[in-house]
Amino acid sequence: MAQDPNLERDDMEPQEEMTVTLTLDDGSELECVVLTIFTAGERDYIALLPMDGPEAEEGEVYLYRYFEKEDGQPNLENIEDDEEYEIVADAFDELLDEAEYDELVGEDEE
């Protein structure tokens, strides 16, 4: 499922999850939670988790190139290159492993 790289930032209250709305190729919209924005190589990327639908139930995470335009508006680009995608997916997996480790260590200290 390909997504249009257009990104809309939803209004956010303090301490709420940041969400974005992806516009899919078929024109439908998919609300996603921003899991993290991270760097891999020399670029920034964003990991999005759908909030509803089969993608959410499967825990499918979408990875995109992330940057801000000159006016400060966030923007996403599809990752077209398989090699780049593998690098980004590996970096995201490492982040998940670190978060899991930090959570386990934090529980042991209590």
C-alpha atoms as a PDB file:
ATOM      1  CA  MET A   1       0.000   0.000   0.000  1.00  0.00           C
ATOM      2  CA  ALA A   2       1.653   3.231  -1.119  1.00  0.00           C
ATOM      3  CA  GLN A   3       0.954   6.503   0.565  1.00  0.00           C
ATOM      4  CA  ASP A   4       1.027   9.998  -0.810  1.00  0.00           C
ATOM      5  CA  PRO A   5       3.942  11.775   0.836  1.00  0.00           C
ATOM      6  CA  ASN A   6       1.696  14.690   1.823  1.00  0.00           C
ATOM      7  CA  LEU A   7       1.518  15.110   5.553  1.00  0.00           C
ATOM      8  CA  GLU A   8      -0.994  16.961   7.644  1.00  0.00           C
ATOM      9  CA  ARG A   9      -0.118  17.656  11.251  1.00  0.00           C
ATOM     10  CA  ASP A  10      -3.193  17.381  13.454  1.00  0.00           C
ATOM     11  CA  ASP A  11      -3.770  19.902  16.211  1.00  0.00           C
ATOM     12  CA  MET A  12      -2.140  18.707  19.383  1.00  0.00           C
ATOM     13  CA  GLU A  13      -2.918  19.324  23.021  1.00  0.00           C
ATOM     14  CA  PRO A  14       0.044  19.171  25.384  1.00  0.00           C
ATOM     15  CA  GLN A  15       0.911  15.642  26.489  1.00  0.00           C
ATOM     16  CA  GLU A  16      -1.198  14.025  23.745  1.00  0.00           C
ATOM     17  CA  GLU A  17       0.232  11.682  21.155  1.00  0.00           C
ATOM     18  CA  MET A  18       1.261  13.388  17.947  1.00  0.00           C
ATOM     19  CA  THR A  19      -0.749  12.089  15.032  1.00  0.00           C
ATOM     20  CA  VAL A  20      -0.634  12.628  11.304  1.00  0.00           C
ATOM     21  CA  THR A  21      -3.079  11.862   8.541  1.00  0.00           C
ATOM     22  CA  LEU A  22      -1.698  10.053   5.502  1.00  0.00           C
ATOM     23  CA  THR A  23      -3.522  10.396   2.195  1.00  0.00           C
ATOM     24  CA  LEU A  24      -3.420   7.013   0.452  1.00  0.00           C
ATOM     25  CA  ASP A  25      -3.168   6.477  -3.298  1.00  0.00           C
ATOM     26  CA  ASP A  26      -6.895   5.725  -3.473  1.00  0.00           C
ATOM     27  CA  GLY A  27      -7.733   9.079  -1.848  1.00  0.00           C
ATOM     28  CA  SER A  28      -8.686   7.597   1.509  1.00  0.00           C
ATOM     29  CA  GLU A  29      -7.053   8.858   4.685  1.00  0.00           C
ATOM     30  CA  LEU A  30      -5.275   6.904   7.399  1.00  0.00           C
ATOM     31  CA  GLU A  31      -4.749   8.356  10.875  1.00  0.00           C
ATOM     32  CA  CYS A  32      -1.357   7.380  12.351  1.00  0.00           C
ATOM     33  CA  VAL A  33       0.477   7.898  15.621  1.00  0.00           C
ATOM     34  CA  VAL A  34       4.018   9.237  15.309  1.00  0.00           C
ATOM     35  CA  LEU A  35       6.185   6.641  17.048  1.00  0.00           C
ATOM     36  CA  THR A  36       9.459   8.481  16.580  1.00  0.00           C
ATOM     37  CA  ILE A  37      11.542  10.670  14.331  1.00  0.00           C
ATOM     38  CA  PHE A  38      15.075   9.325  14.048  1.00  0.00           C
ATOM     39  CA  THR A  39      18.269   9.652  12.043  1.00  0.00           C
ATOM     40  CA  ALA A  40      19.748   6.888   9.892  1.00  0.00           C
ATOM     41  CA  GLY A  41      22.770   7.690   7.799  1.00  0.00           C
ATOM     42  CA  GLU A  42      22.598  11.419   7.240  1.00  0.00           C
ATOM     43  CA  ARG A  43      18.823  11.758   6.881  1.00  0.00           C
ATOM     44  CA  ASP A  44      15.863  11.963   9.230  1.00  0.00           C
ATOM     45  CA  TYR A  45      13.058   9.432   9.088  1.00  0.00           C
ATOM     46  CA  ILE A  46       9.687   9.041  10.744  1.00  0.00           C
ATOM     47  CA  ALA A  47       7.948   5.876  11.977  1.00  0.00           C
ATOM     48  CA  LEU A  48       4.143   5.896  11.870  1.00  0.00           C
ATOM     49  CA  LEU A  49       1.707   3.393  13.361  1.00  0.00           C
ATOM     50  CA  PRO A  50      -1.856   3.330  11.956  1.00  0.00           C
ATOM     51  CA  MET A  51      -4.533   3.851  14.627  1.00  0.00           C
ATOM     52  CA  ASP A  52      -7.354   1.882  12.952  1.00  0.00           C
ATOM     53  CA  GLY A  53      -7.960  -0.816  10.384  1.00  0.00           C
ATOM     54  CA  PRO A  54      -6.121  -4.011   9.484  1.00  0.00           C
ATOM     55  CA  GLU A  55      -2.745  -2.232   9.452  1.00  0.00           C
ATOM     56  CA  ALA A  56      -3.210  -1.252  13.108  1.00  0.00           C
ATOM     57  CA  GLU A  57      -4.255  -4.765  14.101  1.00  0.00           C
ATOM     58  CA  GLU A  58      -1.159  -6.218  12.419  1.00  0.00           C
ATOM     59  CA  GLY A  59       1.114  -3.617  14.049  1.00  0.00           C
ATOM     60  CA  GLU A  60       2.342  -2.499  10.643  1.00  0.00           C
ATOM     61  CA  VAL A  61       4.716   0.475  10.890  1.00  0.00           C
ATOM     62  CA  TYR A  62       5.262   2.881   7.991  1.00  0.00           C
ATOM     63  CA  LEU A  63       8.706   4.422   7.517  1.00  0.00           C
ATOM     64  CA  TYR A  64       9.267   7.623   5.512  1.00  0.00           C
ATOM     65  CA  ARG A  65      11.970  10.197   4.927  1.00  0.00           C
ATOM     66  CA  TYR A  66      11.148  13.187   7.099  1.00  0.00           C
ATOM     67  CA  PHE A  67      12.110  16.826   6.697  1.00  0.00           C
ATOM     68  CA  GLU A  68      10.715  20.246   7.402  1.00  0.00           C
ATOM     69  CA  LYS A  69      10.148  22.759   4.638  1.00  0.00           C
ATOM     70  CA  GLU A  70      11.552  26.284   4.878  1.00  0.00           C
ATOM     71  CA  ASP A  71       8.267  27.439   6.431  1.00  0.00           C
ATOM     72  CA  GLY A  72       8.635  24.802   9.170  1.00  0.00           C
ATOM     73  CA  GLN A  73       5.897  22.506   7.836  1.00  0.00           C
ATOM     74  CA  PRO A  74       6.692  18.788   8.123  1.00  0.00           C
ATOM     75  CA  ASN A  75       6.949  16.752   4.939  1.00  0.00           C
ATOM     76  CA  LEU A  76       7.323  13.059   4.118  1.00  0.00           C
ATOM     77  CA  GLU A  77       8.870  11.292   1.149  1.00  0.00           C
ATOM     78  CA  ASN A  78       8.529   7.661   0.200  1.00  0.00           C
ATOM     79  CA  ILE A  79      11.693   5.560   0.475  1.00  0.00           C
ATOM     80  CA  GLU A  80      12.054   4.206  -3.052  1.00  0.00           C
ATOM     81  CA  ASP A  81      15.434   2.469  -2.749  1.00  0.00           C
ATOM     82  CA  ASP A  82      15.461  -1.047  -1.227  1.00  0.00           C
ATOM     83  CA  GLU A  83      18.958  -0.600   0.197  1.00  0.00           C
ATOM     84  CA  GLU A  84      17.985   2.683   1.886  1.00  0.00           C
ATOM     85  CA  TYR A  85      14.824   1.060   3.248  1.00  0.00           C
ATOM     86  CA  GLU A  86      16.842  -1.798   4.772  1.00  0.00           C
ATOM     87  CA  ILE A  87      19.165   0.687   6.491  1.00  0.00           C
ATOM     88  CA  VAL A  88      16.184   2.619   7.871  1.00  0.00           C
ATOM     89  CA  ALA A  89      14.328  -0.531   8.977  1.00  0.00           C
ATOM     90  CA  ASP A  90      17.459  -1.815  10.757  1.00  0.00           C
ATOM     91  CA  ALA A  91      17.932   1.549  12.512  1.00  0.00           C
ATOM     92  CA  PHE A  92      14.283   1.497  13.627  1.00  0.00           C
ATOM     93  CA  ASP A  93      14.635  -2.090  14.899  1.00  0.00           C
ATOM     94  CA  GLU A  94      17.698  -1.009  16.907  1.00  0.00           C
ATOM     95  CA  LEU A  95      15.665   1.822  18.445  1.00  0.00           C
ATOM     96  CA  LEU A  96      12.980  -0.667  19.442  1.00  0.00           C
ATOM     97  CA  ASP A  97      15.574  -3.011  20.946  1.00  0.00           C
ATOM     98  CA  GLU A  98      17.114  -0.119  22.937  1.00  0.00           C
ATOM     99  CA  ALA A  99      13.704   1.007  24.186  1.00  0.00           C
ATOM    100  CA  GLU A 100      12.866  -2.548  25.240  1.00  0.00           C
ATOM    101  CA  TYR A 101      16.235  -2.861  27.009  1.00  0.00           C
ATOM    102  CA  ASP A 102      15.788   0.493  28.766  1.00  0.00           C
ATOM    103  CA  GLU A 103      12.316  -0.572  29.899  1.00  0.00           C
ATOM    104  CA  LEU A 104      13.648  -3.880  31.271  1.00  0.00           C
ATOM    105  CA  VAL A 105      16.575  -2.204  33.049  1.00  0.00           C
ATOM    106  CA  GLY A 106      14.236   0.435  34.489  1.00  0.00           C
ATOM    107  CA  GLU A 107      11.961  -2.270  35.929  1.00  0.00           C
ATOM    108  CA  ASP A 108      14.936  -4.087  37.497  1.00  0.00           C
ATOM    109  CA  GLU A 109      16.069  -0.921  39.278  1.00  0.00           C
ATOM    110  CA  GLU A 110      12.731  -0.409  41.058  1.00  0.00           C
END
